[in-house]
Amino acid sequence: MPSRKDQDGFAVLAKRWRVERAISWIMRARRNVRDYERLISHSEVHIMWTFITLMSRRLTRPPRPPRAAPHPVEPVKTADKPKPIRIRMQPQTIRLAPNALR
């Protein structure tokens, strides 16, 4: 996508993620991954059928239960606890042949 003229550096485009999400929904239908059709109208119909299937599944599934409020997190005192000791060990090499064959 071309950048805007007033844009300086990297900027996230507002609706690009929506387009990419819709394309990924289309690609989940196996027949739309490759272009097998000879006529463009057939490909258009398959894309429409994909969205019809997607929306009919979304409209007919049972509603989700409401989310529960998150549990309050109590601050942990770190001054009372000793820091863990980290021991770094050398990786062991596994030799498949005896040393004499080198």
Protein backbone atom coordinates (compact mmCIF):
# COMPACT_ATOMS: atom_id res chain seq x y z
CA MET A 1 0.00 0.00 0.00
CA PRO A 2 1.33 3.45 -0.78
CA SER A 3 2.14 5.68 2.16
CA ARG A 4 0.37 8.95 2.72
CA LYS A 5 2.08 12.19 1.71
CA ASP A 6 1.78 13.72 5.18
CA GLN A 7 3.03 10.53 6.86
CA ASP A 8 6.42 10.63 8.54
CA GLY A 9 7.81 7.17 9.31
CA PHE A 10 5.75 4.10 10.14
CA ALA A 11 2.06 4.55 10.91
CA VAL A 12 -0.61 1.92 11.44
CA LEU A 13 -3.44 2.30 8.96
CA ALA A 14 -6.84 2.42 10.60
CA LYS A 15 -8.80 -0.15 8.60
CA ARG A 16 -6.08 -2.35 7.15
CA TRP A 17 -6.45 -5.01 9.86
CA ARG A 18 -10.13 -5.35 9.00
CA VAL A 19 -9.29 -6.08 5.38
CA GLU A 20 -6.58 -8.58 6.34
CA ARG A 21 -8.98 -10.30 8.75
CA ALA A 22 -11.64 -10.61 6.04
CA ILE A 23 -9.09 -12.06 3.62
CA SER A 24 -8.05 -14.63 6.22
CA TRP A 25 -11.72 -15.61 6.67
CA ILE A 26 -11.99 -16.10 2.91
CA MET A 27 -8.84 -18.22 2.83
CA ARG A 28 -10.18 -20.58 5.50
CA ALA A 29 -12.53 -21.93 2.85
CA ARG A 30 -10.36 -24.48 1.09
CA ARG A 31 -11.58 -23.84 -2.43
CA ASN A 32 -10.70 -20.14 -2.23
CA VAL A 33 -7.04 -20.78 -1.42
CA ARG A 34 -6.20 -21.56 -5.03
CA ASP A 35 -7.76 -20.07 -8.12
CA TYR A 36 -9.31 -23.16 -9.70
CA GLU A 37 -12.12 -21.38 -11.52
CA ARG A 38 -11.95 -20.30 -15.14
CA LEU A 39 -14.55 -17.57 -14.80
CA ILE A 40 -14.25 -14.66 -12.38
CA SER A 41 -17.96 -14.89 -11.63
CA HIS A 42 -17.45 -18.39 -10.22
CA SER A 43 -14.74 -17.13 -7.86
CA GLU A 44 -17.01 -14.28 -6.78
CA VAL A 45 -19.80 -16.74 -6.00
CA HIS A 46 -17.45 -18.89 -3.91
CA ILE A 47 -16.34 -15.84 -1.92
CA MET A 48 -19.97 -14.84 -1.37
CA TRP A 49 -20.81 -18.40 -0.32
CA THR A 50 -17.91 -18.31 2.16
CA PHE A 51 -19.27 -15.17 3.80
CA ILE A 52 -22.83 -16.51 3.81
CA THR A 53 -21.61 -19.65 5.58
CA LEU A 54 -19.56 -17.61 8.04
CA MET A 55 -22.41 -15.26 8.92
CA SER A 56 -25.01 -18.02 9.19
CA ARG A 57 -22.75 -19.87 11.65
CA ARG A 58 -22.27 -16.72 13.69
CA LEU A 59 -25.96 -15.89 13.78
CA THR A 60 -27.07 -19.39 14.77
CA ARG A 61 -24.54 -20.21 17.49
CA PRO A 62 -25.64 -19.88 21.12
CA PRO A 63 -24.77 -16.63 22.90
CA ARG A 64 -21.66 -16.51 25.04
CA PRO A 65 -22.01 -16.35 28.82
CA PRO A 66 -21.15 -12.95 30.31
CA ARG A 67 -17.58 -12.46 31.43
CA ALA A 68 -16.85 -12.51 35.13
CA ALA A 69 -15.00 -9.63 36.72
CA PRO A 70 -11.28 -10.35 37.10
CA HIS A 71 -10.01 -11.19 40.55
CA PRO A 72 -8.17 -8.34 42.27
CA VAL A 73 -4.44 -8.93 42.35
CA GLU A 74 -2.66 -8.27 45.62
CA PRO A 75 0.85 -6.85 45.43
CA VAL A 76 3.59 -9.36 46.21
CA LYS A 77 6.30 -8.36 48.64
CA THR A 78 9.65 -9.18 47.08
CA ALA A 79 11.88 -7.74 49.81
CA ASP A 80 11.12 -10.62 52.20
CA LYS A 81 11.84 -13.36 49.70
CA PRO A 82 15.41 -14.30 48.75
CA LYS A 83 16.27 -14.16 45.08
CA PRO A 84 16.53 -17.55 43.36
CA ILE A 85 19.99 -18.83 42.56
CA ARG A 86 20.57 -19.49 38.89
CA ILE A 87 23.12 -22.10 37.97
CA ARG A 88 24.35 -22.20 34.42
CA MET A 89 25.67 -25.56 33.35
CA GLN A 90 27.66 -26.36 30.25
CA PRO A 91 25.68 -28.37 27.70
CA GLN A 92 26.77 -31.96 27.56
CA THR A 93 27.90 -33.25 24.20
CA ILE A 94 26.86 -36.69 23.08
CA ARG A 95 29.43 -38.52 21.03
CA LEU A 96 28.28 -41.27 18.75
CA ALA A 97 31.74 -42.69 18.09
CA PRO A 98 34.60 -43.41 20.48
CA ASN A 99 37.43 -40.88 20.76
CA ALA A 100 39.89 -43.24 19.06
CA LEU A 101 38.10 -42.93 15.70
CA ARG A 102 38.74 -39.20 15.34
